PDB file of all heavy atoms in Angstrom:
ATOM      1  N   ALA A   1     102.484  10.490  20.003  1.00  0.00           N
ATOM      2  CA  ALA A   1     101.869  11.600  19.274  1.00  0.00           C
ATOM      3  C   ALA A   1     101.119  11.109  18.036  1.00  0.00           C
ATOM      4  O   ALA A   1     100.112  11.700  17.648  1.00  0.00           O
ATOM      5  CB  ALA A   1     102.936  12.613  18.869  1.00  0.00           C
ATOM      6  N   THR A   2     101.592  10.024  17.421  1.00  0.00           N
ATOM      7  CA  THR A   2     100.880   9.475  16.255  1.00  0.00           C
ATOM      8  C   THR A   2      99.548   8.846  16.656  1.00  0.00           C
ATOM      9  O   THR A   2      98.617   8.796  15.853  1.00  0.00           O
ATOM     10  CB  THR A   2     101.738   8.402  15.540  1.00  0.00           C
ATOM     11  OG1 THR A   2     102.000   7.320  16.442  1.00  0.00           O
ATOM     12  CG2 THR A   2     103.048   8.990  15.047  1.00  0.00           C
ATOM     13  N   ARG A   3      99.472   8.370  17.893  1.00  0.00           N
ATOM     14  CA  ARG A   3      98.227   7.763  18.376  1.00  0.00           C
ATOM     15  C   ARG A   3      97.213   8.822  18.806  1.00  0.00           C
ATOM     16  O   ARG A   3      96.018   8.559  18.849  1.00  0.00           O
ATOM     17  CB  ARG A   3      98.523   6.842  19.578  1.00  0.00           C
ATOM     18  CG  ARG A   3      99.573   5.783  19.302  1.00  0.00           C
ATOM     19  CD  ARG A   3      99.108   4.735  18.321  1.00  0.00           C
ATOM     20  NE  ARG A   3      98.005   3.939  18.837  1.00  0.00           N
ATOM     21  CZ  ARG A   3      97.479   2.901  18.195  1.00  0.00           C
ATOM     22  NH1 ARG A   3      97.928   2.552  17.014  1.00  0.00           N
ATOM     23  NH2 ARG A   3      96.491   2.222  18.734  1.00  0.00           N
ATOM     24  N   LYS A   4      97.718  10.014  19.130  1.00  0.00           N
ATOM     25  CA  LYS A   4      96.842  11.094  19.571  1.00  0.00           C
ATOM     26  C   LYS A   4      97.324  12.389  18.916  1.00  0.00           C
ATOM     27  O   LYS A   4      98.126  13.131  19.499  1.00  0.00           O
ATOM     28  CB  LYS A   4      96.892  11.209  21.105  1.00  0.00           C
ATOM     29  CG  LYS A   4      95.867  12.158  21.697  1.00  0.00           C
ATOM     30  CD  LYS A   4      95.959  12.147  23.223  1.00  0.00           C
ATOM     31  CE  LYS A   4      94.961  13.120  23.841  1.00  0.00           C
ATOM     32  NZ  LYS A   4      95.047  13.134  25.329  1.00  0.00           N
ATOM     33  N   PRO A   5      96.887  12.659  17.678  1.00  0.00           N
ATOM     34  CA  PRO A   5      97.400  13.795  16.906  1.00  0.00           C
ATOM     35  C   PRO A   5      97.301  15.145  17.615  1.00  0.00           C
ATOM     36  O   PRO A   5      98.146  16.017  17.419  1.00  0.00           O
ATOM     37  CB  PRO A   5      96.522  13.775  15.649  1.00  0.00           C
ATOM     38  CG  PRO A   5      96.076  12.348  15.520  1.00  0.00           C
ATOM     39  CD  PRO A   5      95.908  11.868  16.927  1.00  0.00           C
ATOM     40  N   GLY A   6      96.288  15.344  18.455  1.00  0.00           N
ATOM     41  CA  GLY A   6      96.135  16.629  19.133  1.00  0.00           C
ATOM     42  C   GLY A   6      96.969  16.770  20.387  1.00  0.00           C
ATOM     43  O   GLY A   6      96.860  17.771  21.107  1.00  0.00           O
ATOM     44  N   LEU A   7      97.818  15.778  20.655  1.00  0.00           N
ATOM     45  CA  LEU A   7      98.591  15.769  21.900  1.00  0.00           C
ATOM     46  C   LEU A   7      99.586  16.918  21.958  1.00  0.00           C
ATOM     47  O   LEU A   7      99.708  17.596  22.979  1.00  0.00           O
ATOM     48  CB  LEU A   7      99.339  14.432  22.026  1.00  0.00           C
ATOM     49  CG  LEU A   7     100.269  14.269  23.236  1.00  0.00           C
ATOM     50  CD1 LEU A   7      99.466  14.285  24.523  1.00  0.00           C
ATOM     51  CD2 LEU A   7     101.064  12.972  23.135  1.00  0.00           C
ATOM     52  N   VAL A   8     100.284  17.176  20.861  1.00  0.00           N
ATOM     53  CA  VAL A   8     101.345  18.183  20.845  1.00  0.00           C
ATOM     54  C   VAL A   8     100.768  19.582  21.017  1.00  0.00           C
ATOM     55  O   VAL A   8     101.297  20.410  21.758  1.00  0.00           O
ATOM     56  CB  VAL A   8     102.167  18.091  19.537  1.00  0.00           C
ATOM     57  CG1 VAL A   8     103.276  19.133  19.530  1.00  0.00           C
ATOM     58  CG2 VAL A   8     102.759  16.699  19.386  1.00  0.00           C
ATOM     59  N   THR A   9      99.669  19.878  20.354  1.00  0.00           N
ATOM     60  CA  THR A   9      99.082  21.218  20.429  1.00  0.00           C
ATOM     61  C   THR A   9      98.148  21.381  21.626  1.00  0.00           C
ATOM     62  O   THR A   9      98.168  22.405  22.299  1.00  0.00           O
ATOM     63  CB  THR A   9      98.307  21.523  19.131  1.00  0.00           C
ATOM     64  OG1 THR A   9      97.355  20.464  18.899  1.00  0.00           O
ATOM     65  CG2 THR A   9      99.261  21.609  17.950  1.00  0.00           C
ATOM     66  N   GLY A  10      97.346  20.372  21.890  1.00  0.00           N
ATOM     67  CA  GLY A  10      96.357  20.486  22.967  1.00  0.00           C
ATOM     68  C   GLY A  10      96.910  20.229  24.348  1.00  0.00           C
ATOM     69  O   GLY A  10      96.294  20.627  25.345  1.00  0.00           O
ATOM     70  N   HIS A  11      98.055  19.569  24.428  1.00  0.00           N
ATOM     71  CA  HIS A  11      98.647  19.231  25.724  1.00  0.00           C
ATOM     72  C   HIS A  11     100.145  19.533  25.662  1.00  0.00           C
ATOM     73  O   HIS A  11     100.992  18.711  26.017  1.00  0.00           O
ATOM     74  CB  HIS A  11      98.386  17.744  26.014  1.00  0.00           C
ATOM     75  CG  HIS A  11      98.543  17.354  27.445  1.00  0.00           C
ATOM     76  ND1 HIS A  11      97.788  17.900  28.466  1.00  0.00           N
ATOM     77  CD2 HIS A  11      99.367  16.468  28.051  1.00  0.00           C
ATOM     78  CE1 HIS A  11      98.138  17.355  29.622  1.00  0.00           C
ATOM     79  NE2 HIS A  11      99.113  16.480  29.399  1.00  0.00           N
ATOM     80  N   ALA A  12     100.454  20.744  25.168  1.00  0.00           N
ATOM     81  CA  ALA A  12     101.834  21.097  24.810  1.00  0.00           C
ATOM     82  C   ALA A  12     102.793  21.012  25.993  1.00  0.00           C
ATOM     83  O   ALA A  12     103.880  20.431  25.877  1.00  0.00           O
ATOM     84  CB  ALA A  12     101.871  22.497  24.203  1.00  0.00           C
ATOM     85  N   TRP A  13     102.412  21.580  27.143  1.00  0.00           N
ATOM     86  CA  TRP A  13     103.324  21.592  28.294  1.00  0.00           C
ATOM     87  C   TRP A  13     103.584  20.174  28.808  1.00  0.00           C
ATOM     88  O   TRP A  13     104.705  19.828  29.176  1.00  0.00           O
ATOM     89  CB  TRP A  13     102.776  22.478  29.407  1.00  0.00           C
ATOM     90  CG  TRP A  13     102.971  23.935  29.145  1.00  0.00           C
ATOM     91  CD1 TRP A  13     101.996  24.850  28.865  1.00  0.00           C
ATOM     92  CD2 TRP A  13     104.217  24.641  29.119  1.00  0.00           C
ATOM     93  NE1 TRP A  13     102.560  26.094  28.652  1.00  0.00           N
ATOM     94  CE2 TRP A  13     103.922  26.001  28.815  1.00  0.00           C
ATOM     95  CE3 TRP A  13     105.544  24.279  29.317  1.00  0.00           C
ATOM     96  CZ2 TRP A  13     104.905  26.975  28.699  1.00  0.00           C
ATOM     97  CZ3 TRP A  13     106.527  25.247  29.210  1.00  0.00           C
ATOM     98  CH2 TRP A  13     106.208  26.570  28.906  1.00  0.00           C
ATOM     99  N   GLY A  14     102.530  19.377  28.837  1.00  0.00           N
ATOM    100  CA  GLY A  14     102.697  17.988  29.255  1.00  0.00           C
ATOM    101  C   GLY A  14     103.592  17.220  28.303  1.00  0.00           C
ATOM    102  O   GLY A  14     104.432  16.412  28.725  1.00  0.00           O
ATOM    103  N   PHE A  15     103.431  17.488  26.999  1.00  0.00           N
ATOM    104  CA  PHE A  15     104.245  16.811  25.999  1.00  0.00           C
ATOM    105  C   PHE A  15     105.713  17.230  26.113  1.00  0.00           C
ATOM    106  O   PHE A  15     106.620  16.379  26.045  1.00  0.00           O
ATOM    107  CB  PHE A  15     103.718  17.133  24.597  1.00  0.00           C
ATOM    108  CG  PHE A  15     104.426  16.389  23.496  1.00  0.00           C
ATOM    109  CD1 PHE A  15     104.175  15.045  23.261  1.00  0.00           C
ATOM    110  CD2 PHE A  15     105.356  17.042  22.698  1.00  0.00           C
ATOM    111  CE1 PHE A  15     104.837  14.361  22.258  1.00  0.00           C
ATOM    112  CE2 PHE A  15     106.020  16.362  21.684  1.00  0.00           C
ATOM    113  CZ  PHE A  15     105.753  15.015  21.463  1.00  0.00           C
ATOM    114  N   LEU A  16     105.954  18.527  26.320  1.00  0.00           N
ATOM    115  CA  LEU A  16     107.335  19.010  26.486  1.00  0.00           C
ATOM    116  C   LEU A  16     107.972  18.431  27.748  1.00  0.00           C
ATOM    117  O   LEU A  16     109.139  18.055  27.752  1.00  0.00           O
ATOM    118  CB  LEU A  16     107.347  20.545  26.539  1.00  0.00           C
ATOM    119  CG  LEU A  16     107.099  21.268  25.224  1.00  0.00           C
ATOM    120  CD1 LEU A  16     106.966  22.769  25.449  1.00  0.00           C
ATOM    121  CD2 LEU A  16     108.223  20.992  24.222  1.00  0.00           C
ATOM    122  N   PHE A  17     107.188  18.364  28.828  1.00  0.00           N
ATOM    123  CA  PHE A  17     107.717  17.781  30.066  1.00  0.00           C
ATOM    124  C   PHE A  17     108.040  16.303  29.868  1.00  0.00           C
ATOM    125  O   PHE A  17     109.041  15.799  30.367  1.00  0.00           O
ATOM    126  CB  PHE A  17     106.712  17.947  31.208  1.00  0.00           C
ATOM    127  CG  PHE A  17     107.150  17.280  32.489  1.00  0.00           C
ATOM    128  CD1 PHE A  17     108.171  17.823  33.250  1.00  0.00           C
ATOM    129  CD2 PHE A  17     106.570  16.094  32.900  1.00  0.00           C
ATOM    130  CE1 PHE A  17     108.600  17.204  34.417  1.00  0.00           C
ATOM    131  CE2 PHE A  17     106.986  15.467  34.068  1.00  0.00           C
ATOM    132  CZ  PHE A  17     108.006  16.023  34.826  1.00  0.00           C
ATOM    133  N   SER A  18     107.185  15.611  29.123  1.00  0.00           N
ATOM    134  CA  SER A  18     107.416  14.203  28.840  1.00  0.00           C
ATOM    135  C   SER A  18     108.723  14.012  28.069  1.00  0.00           C
ATOM    136  O   SER A  18     109.515  13.117  28.375  1.00  0.00           O
ATOM    137  CB  SER A  18     106.242  13.639  28.025  1.00  0.00           C
ATOM    138  OG  SER A  18     106.497  12.322  27.627  1.00  0.00           O
ATOM    139  N   CYS A  19     108.954  14.874  27.073  1.00  0.00           N
ATOM    140  CA  CYS A  19     110.205  14.807  26.301  1.00  0.00           C
ATOM    141  C   CYS A  19     111.410  15.070  27.209  1.00  0.00           C
ATOM    142  O   CYS A  19     112.427  14.365  27.133  1.00  0.00           O
ATOM    143  CB  CYS A  19     110.180  15.821  25.158  1.00  0.00           C
ATOM    144  SG  CYS A  19     108.995  15.436  23.850  1.00  0.00           S
ATOM    145  N   ALA A  20     111.294  16.088  28.066  1.00  0.00           N
ATOM    146  CA  ALA A  20     112.399  16.413  28.977  1.00  0.00           C
ATOM    147  C   ALA A  20     112.639  15.281  29.973  1.00  0.00           C
ATOM    148  O   ALA A  20     113.787  14.953  30.299  1.00  0.00           O
ATOM    149  CB  ALA A  20     112.073  17.706  29.727  1.00  0.00           C
ATOM    150  N   PHE A  21     111.555  14.672  30.428  1.00  0.00           N
ATOM    151  CA  PHE A  21     111.630  13.565  31.390  1.00  0.00           C
ATOM    152  C   PHE A  21     112.448  12.403  30.819  1.00  0.00           C
ATOM    153  O   PHE A  21     113.374  11.895  31.462  1.00  0.00           O
ATOM    154  CB  PHE A  21     110.194  13.117  31.714  1.00  0.00           C
ATOM    155  CG  PHE A  21     110.097  12.005  32.720  1.00  0.00           C
ATOM    156  CD1 PHE A  21     110.287  12.252  34.072  1.00  0.00           C
ATOM    157  CD2 PHE A  21     109.809  10.705  32.315  1.00  0.00           C
ATOM    158  CE1 PHE A  21     110.188  11.225  35.001  1.00  0.00           C
ATOM    159  CE2 PHE A  21     109.710   9.677  33.235  1.00  0.00           C
ATOM    160  CZ  PHE A  21     109.899   9.938  34.580  1.00  0.00           C
ATOM    161  N   VAL A  22     112.120  11.992  29.597  1.00  0.00           N
ATOM    162  CA  VAL A  22     112.822  10.879  28.958  1.00  0.00           C
ATOM    163  C   VAL A  22     114.262  11.265  28.633  1.00  0.00           C
ATOM    164  O   VAL A  22     115.194  10.496  28.856  1.00  0.00           O
ATOM    165  CB  VAL A  22     112.078  10.427  27.676  1.00  0.00           C
ATOM    166  CG1 VAL A  22     112.862   9.317  26.969  1.00  0.00           C
ATOM    167  CG2 VAL A  22     110.680   9.948  28.014  1.00  0.00           C
ATOM    168  N   PHE A  23     114.439  12.479  28.084  1.00  0.00           N
ATOM    169  CA  PHE A  23     115.775  12.910  27.664  1.00  0.00           C
ATOM    170  C   PHE A  23     116.746  12.953  28.840  1.00  0.00           C
ATOM    171  O   PHE A  23     117.880  12.477  28.743  1.00  0.00           O
ATOM    172  CB  PHE A  23     115.708  14.294  27.006  1.00  0.00           C
ATOM    173  CG  PHE A  23     117.048  14.784  26.529  1.00  0.00           C
ATOM    174  CD1 PHE A  23     117.552  14.388  25.302  1.00  0.00           C
ATOM    175  CD2 PHE A  23     117.805  15.636  27.319  1.00  0.00           C
ATOM    176  CE1 PHE A  23     118.795  14.827  24.866  1.00  0.00           C
ATOM    177  CE2 PHE A  23     119.055  16.082  26.898  1.00  0.00           C
ATOM    178  CZ  PHE A  23     119.553  15.676  25.667  1.00  0.00           C
ATOM    179  N   VAL A  24     116.312  13.525  29.973  1.00  0.00           N
ATOM    180  CA  VAL A  24     117.199  13.630  31.135  1.00  0.00           C
ATOM    181  C   VAL A  24     117.566  12.245  31.657  1.00  0.00           C
ATOM    182  O   VAL A  24     118.722  11.987  32.006  1.00  0.00           O
ATOM    183  CB  VAL A  24     116.544  14.488  32.246  1.00  0.00           C
ATOM    184  CG1 VAL A  24     117.339  14.381  33.547  1.00  0.00           C
ATOM    185  CG2 VAL A  24     116.474  15.944  31.807  1.00  0.00           C
ATOM    186  N   HIS A  25     116.590  11.336  31.707  1.00  0.00           N
ATOM    187  CA  HIS A  25     116.884   9.973  32.159  1.00  0.00           C
ATOM    188  C   HIS A  25     117.916   9.300  31.255  1.00  0.00           C
ATOM    189  O   HIS A  25     118.893   8.706  31.724  1.00  0.00           O
ATOM    190  CB  HIS A  25     115.596   9.139  32.179  1.00  0.00           C
ATOM    191  CG  HIS A  25     114.820   9.258  33.446  1.00  0.00           C
ATOM    192  ND1 HIS A  25     114.103  10.388  33.766  1.00  0.00           N
ATOM    193  CD2 HIS A  25     114.662   8.410  34.492  1.00  0.00           C
ATOM    194  CE1 HIS A  25     113.514  10.212  34.935  1.00  0.00           C
ATOM    195  NE2 HIS A  25     113.849   9.025  35.406  1.00  0.00           N
ATOM    196  N   MET A  26     117.697   9.395  29.941  1.00  0.00           N
ATOM    197  CA  MET A  26     118.595   8.730  28.995  1.00  0.00           C
ATOM    198  C   MET A  26     119.965   9.406  28.970  1.00  0.00           C
ATOM    199  O   MET A  26     121.001   8.736  28.918  1.00  0.00           O
ATOM    200  CB  MET A  26     117.983   8.750  27.592  1.00  0.00           C
ATOM    201  CG  MET A  26     116.788   7.845  27.422  1.00  0.00           C
ATOM    202  SD  MET A  26     117.117   6.117  27.882  1.00  0.00           S
ATOM    203  CE  MET A  26     118.506   5.743  26.819  1.00  0.00           C
ATOM    204  N   PHE A  27     119.989  10.731  29.005  1.00  0.00           N
ATOM    205  CA  PHE A  27     121.262  11.447  28.961  1.00  0.00           C
ATOM    206  C   PHE A  27     122.094  11.151  30.210  1.00  0.00           C
ATOM    207  O   PHE A  27     123.318  11.002  30.136  1.00  0.00           O
ATOM    208  CB  PHE A  27     121.011  12.953  28.841  1.00  0.00           C
ATOM    209  CG  PHE A  27     122.278  13.759  28.696  1.00  0.00           C
ATOM    210  CD1 PHE A  27     122.958  13.787  27.491  1.00  0.00           C
ATOM    211  CD2 PHE A  27     122.783  14.483  29.762  1.00  0.00           C
ATOM    212  CE1 PHE A  27     124.128  14.523  27.350  1.00  0.00           C
ATOM    213  CE2 PHE A  27     123.952  15.215  29.639  1.00  0.00           C
ATOM    214  CZ  PHE A  27     124.629  15.235  28.422  1.00  0.00           C
ATOM    215  N   THR A  28     121.432  11.065  31.367  1.00  0.00           N
ATOM    216  CA  THR A  28     122.139  10.737  32.611  1.00  0.00           C
ATOM    217  C   THR A  28     122.782   9.358  32.509  1.00  0.00           C
ATOM    218  O   THR A  28     123.954   9.174  32.854  1.00  0.00           O
ATOM    219  CB  THR A  28     121.161  10.769  33.808  1.00  0.00           C
ATOM    220  OG1 THR A  28     120.605  12.084  33.912  1.00  0.00           O
ATOM    221  CG2 THR A  28     121.877  10.418  35.104  1.00  0.00           C
ATOM    222  N   ARG A  29     122.025   8.390  32.010  1.00  0.00           N
ATOM    223  CA  ARG A  29     122.556   7.030  31.862  1.00  0.00           C
ATOM    224  C   ARG A  29     123.754   7.005  30.911  1.00  0.00           C
ATOM    225  O   ARG A  29     124.796   6.409  31.205  1.00  0.00           O
ATOM    226  CB  ARG A  29     121.450   6.105  31.350  1.00  0.00           C
ATOM    227  CG  ARG A  29     121.914   4.669  31.179  1.00  0.00           C
ATOM    228  CD  ARG A  29     120.779   3.774  30.674  1.00  0.00           C
ATOM    229  NE  ARG A  29     121.245   2.388  30.599  1.00  0.00           N
ATOM    230  CZ  ARG A  29     121.904   1.876  29.580  1.00  0.00           C
ATOM    231  NH1 ARG A  29     122.180   2.639  28.526  1.00  0.00           N
ATOM    232  NH2 ARG A  29     122.294   0.611  29.581  1.00  0.00           N
ATOM    233  N   GLN A  30     123.613   7.661  29.762  1.00  0.00           N
ATOM    234  CA  GLN A  30     124.684   7.640  28.760  1.00  0.00           C
ATOM    235  C   GLN A  30     125.923   8.403  29.244  1.00  0.00           C
ATOM    236  O   GLN A  30     127.055   7.983  28.999  1.00  0.00           O
ATOM    237  CB  GLN A  30     124.184   8.243  27.448  1.00  0.00           C
ATOM    238  CG  GLN A  30     123.136   7.402  26.733  1.00  0.00           C
ATOM    239  CD  GLN A  30     123.613   5.986  26.453  1.00  0.00           C
ATOM    240  OE1 GLN A  30     122.903   5.018  26.730  1.00  0.00           O
ATOM    241  NE2 GLN A  30     124.809   5.854  25.931  1.00  0.00           N
ATOM    242  N   ALA A  31     125.700   9.527  29.930  1.00  0.00           N
ATOM    243  CA  ALA A  31     126.835  10.314  30.423  1.00  0.00           C
ATOM    244  C   ALA A  31     127.622   9.539  31.474  1.00  0.00           C
ATOM    245  O   ALA A  31     128.857   9.579  31.493  1.00  0.00           O
ATOM    246  CB  ALA A  31     126.344  11.645  31.002  1.00  0.00           C
ATOM    247  N   LEU A  32     126.922   8.812  32.341  1.00  0.00           N
ATOM    248  CA  LEU A  32     127.609   7.990  33.341  1.00  0.00           C
ATOM    249  C   LEU A  32     128.415   6.878  32.674  1.00  0.00           C
ATOM    250  O   LEU A  32     129.516   6.540  33.116  1.00  0.00           O
ATOM    251  CB  LEU A  32     126.590   7.400  34.323  1.00  0.00           C
ATOM    252  CG  LEU A  32     125.941   8.403  35.287  1.00  0.00           C
ATOM    253  CD1 LEU A  32     124.849   7.729  36.105  1.00  0.00           C
ATOM    254  CD2 LEU A  32     126.977   9.024  36.211  1.00  0.00           C
ATOM    255  N   PHE A  33     127.888   6.323  31.597  1.00  0.00           N
ATOM    256  CA  PHE A  33     128.635   5.308  30.854  1.00  0.00           C
ATOM    257  C   PHE A  33     129.876   5.910  30.206  1.00  0.00           C
ATOM    258  O   PHE A  33     130.919   5.260  30.126  1.00  0.00           O
ATOM    259  CB  PHE A  33     127.742   4.669  29.786  1.00  0.00           C
ATOM    260  CG  PHE A  33     127.112   3.386  30.245  1.00  0.00           C
ATOM    261  CD1 PHE A  33     125.770   3.326  30.547  1.00  0.00           C
ATOM    262  CD2 PHE A  33     127.868   2.230  30.382  1.00  0.00           C
ATOM    263  CE1 PHE A  33     125.180   2.146  30.976  1.00  0.00           C
ATOM    264  CE2 PHE A  33     127.287   1.048  30.810  1.00  0.00           C
ATOM    265  CZ  PHE A  33     125.944   1.008  31.109  1.00  0.00           C
ATOM    266  N   GLU A  34     129.751   7.132  29.725  1.00  0.00           N
ATOM    267  CA  GLU A  34     130.908   7.778  29.098  1.00  0.00           C
ATOM    268  C   GLU A  34     131.999   8.064  30.121  1.00  0.00           C
ATOM    269  O   GLU A  34     133.187   8.020  29.792  1.00  0.00           O
ATOM    270  CB  GLU A  34     130.483   9.064  28.381  1.00  0.00           C
ATOM    271  CG  GLU A  34     129.763   8.808  27.079  1.00  0.00           C
ATOM    272  CD  GLU A  34     129.823   9.996  26.134  1.00  0.00           C
ATOM    273  OE1 GLU A  34     130.678  10.874  26.326  1.00  0.00           O
ATOM    274  OE2 GLU A  34     129.002  10.039  25.210  1.00  0.00           O
ATOM    275  N   LEU A  35     131.615   8.364  31.350  1.00  0.00           N
ATOM    276  CA  LEU A  35     132.622   8.539  32.404  1.00  0.00           C
ATOM    277  C   LEU A  35     133.370   7.224  32.629  1.00  0.00           C
ATOM    278  O   LEU A  35     134.578   7.213  32.873  1.00  0.00           O
ATOM    279  CB  LEU A  35     131.956   8.985  33.709  1.00  0.00           C
ATOM    280  CG  LEU A  35     131.396  10.408  33.759  1.00  0.00           C
ATOM    281  CD1 LEU A  35     130.720  10.655  35.100  1.00  0.00           C
ATOM    282  CD2 LEU A  35     132.485  11.433  33.536  1.00  0.00           C
ATOM    283  N   LYS A  36     132.642   6.119  32.522  1.00  0.00           N
ATOM    284  CA  LYS A  36     133.238   4.807  32.744  1.00  0.00           C
ATOM    285  C   LYS A  36     134.163   4.401  31.601  1.00  0.00           C
ATOM    286  O   LYS A  36     135.210   3.777  31.821  1.00  0.00           O
ATOM    287  CB  LYS A  36     132.116   3.776  32.906  1.00  0.00           C
ATOM    288  CG  LYS A  36     132.599   2.358  33.150  1.00  0.00           C
ATOM    289  CD  LYS A  36     131.420   1.399  33.231  1.00  0.00           C
ATOM    290  CE  LYS A  36     131.890  -0.041  33.386  1.00  0.00           C
ATOM    291  NZ  LYS A  36     130.760  -0.995  33.419  1.00  0.00           N
ATOM    292  N   THR A  37     133.787   4.749  30.363  1.00  0.00           N
ATOM    293  CA  THR A  37     134.544   4.285  29.186  1.00  0.00           C
ATOM    294  C   THR A  37     135.356   5.408  28.543  1.00  0.00           C
ATOM    295  O   THR A  37     135.723   5.300  27.375  1.00  0.00           O
ATOM    296  CB  THR A  37     133.575   3.702  28.138  1.00  0.00           C
ATOM    297  OG1 THR A  37     132.656   4.730  27.718  1.00  0.00           O
ATOM    298  CG2 THR A  37     132.792   2.530  28.697  1.00  0.00           C
ATOM    299  N   ALA A  38     135.661   6.458  29.303  1.00  0.00           N
ATOM    300  CA  ALA A  38     136.341   7.625  28.733  1.00  0.00           C
ATOM    301  C   ALA A  38     137.692   7.270  28.117  1.00  0.00           C
ATOM    302  O   ALA A  38     138.020   7.694  27.006  1.00  0.00           O
ATOM    303  CB  ALA A  38     136.524   8.691  29.812  1.00  0.00           C
ATOM    304  N   GLN A  39     138.486   6.475  28.842  1.00  0.00           N
ATOM    305  CA  GLN A  39     139.811   6.123  28.352  1.00  0.00           C
ATOM    306  C   GLN A  39     139.713   5.285  27.075  1.00  0.00           C
ATOM    307  O   GLN A  39     140.457   5.480  26.119  1.00  0.00           O
ATOM    308  CB  GLN A  39     140.580   5.347  29.427  1.00  0.00           C
ATOM    309  CG  GLN A  39     142.032   5.058  29.058  1.00  0.00           C
ATOM    310  CD  GLN A  39     142.792   4.396  30.193  1.00  0.00           C
ATOM    311  OE1 GLN A  39     142.246   4.196  31.274  1.00  0.00           O
ATOM    312  NE2 GLN A  39     144.040   4.060  29.953  1.00  0.00           N
ATOM    313  N   ASN A  40     138.780   4.370  27.059  1.00  0.00           N
ATOM    314  CA  ASN A  40     138.582   3.522  25.893  1.00  0.00           C
ATOM    315  C   ASN A  40     138.137   4.339  24.679  1.00  0.00           C
ATOM    316  O   ASN A  40     138.562   4.090  23.544  1.00  0.00           O
ATOM    317  CB  ASN A  40     137.545   2.457  26.224  1.00  0.00           C
ATOM    318  CG  ASN A  40     137.496   1.364  25.184  1.00  0.00           C
ATOM    319  OD1 ASN A  40     138.504   0.756  24.882  1.00  0.00           O
ATOM    320  ND2 ASN A  40     136.326   1.119  24.649  1.00  0.00           N
ATOM    321  N   ASP A  41     137.263   5.335  24.905  1.00  0.00           N
ATOM    322  CA  ASP A  41     136.799   6.188  23.809  1.00  0.00           C
ATOM    323  C   ASP A  41     137.957   6.975  23.203  1.00  0.00           C
ATOM    324  O   ASP A  41     138.033   7.150  21.979  1.00  0.00           O
ATOM    325  CB  ASP A  41     135.724   7.163  24.317  1.00  0.00           C
ATOM    326  CG  ASP A  41     134.395   6.462  24.585  1.00  0.00           C
ATOM    327  OD1 ASP A  41     134.203   5.339  24.084  1.00  0.00           O
ATOM    328  OD2 ASP A  41     133.551   7.040  25.299  1.00  0.00           O
TER     329      ASP A  41
END
């Protein structure tokens, strides 16, 4: 967004989908790790 200031307003749906895309991937990875290390936590 810093490289393309109009990205958030001019391409809002694409930007929101991009955020959701990354978040779901990262959250899935972290949640699976938490299942593995639950007892240790």
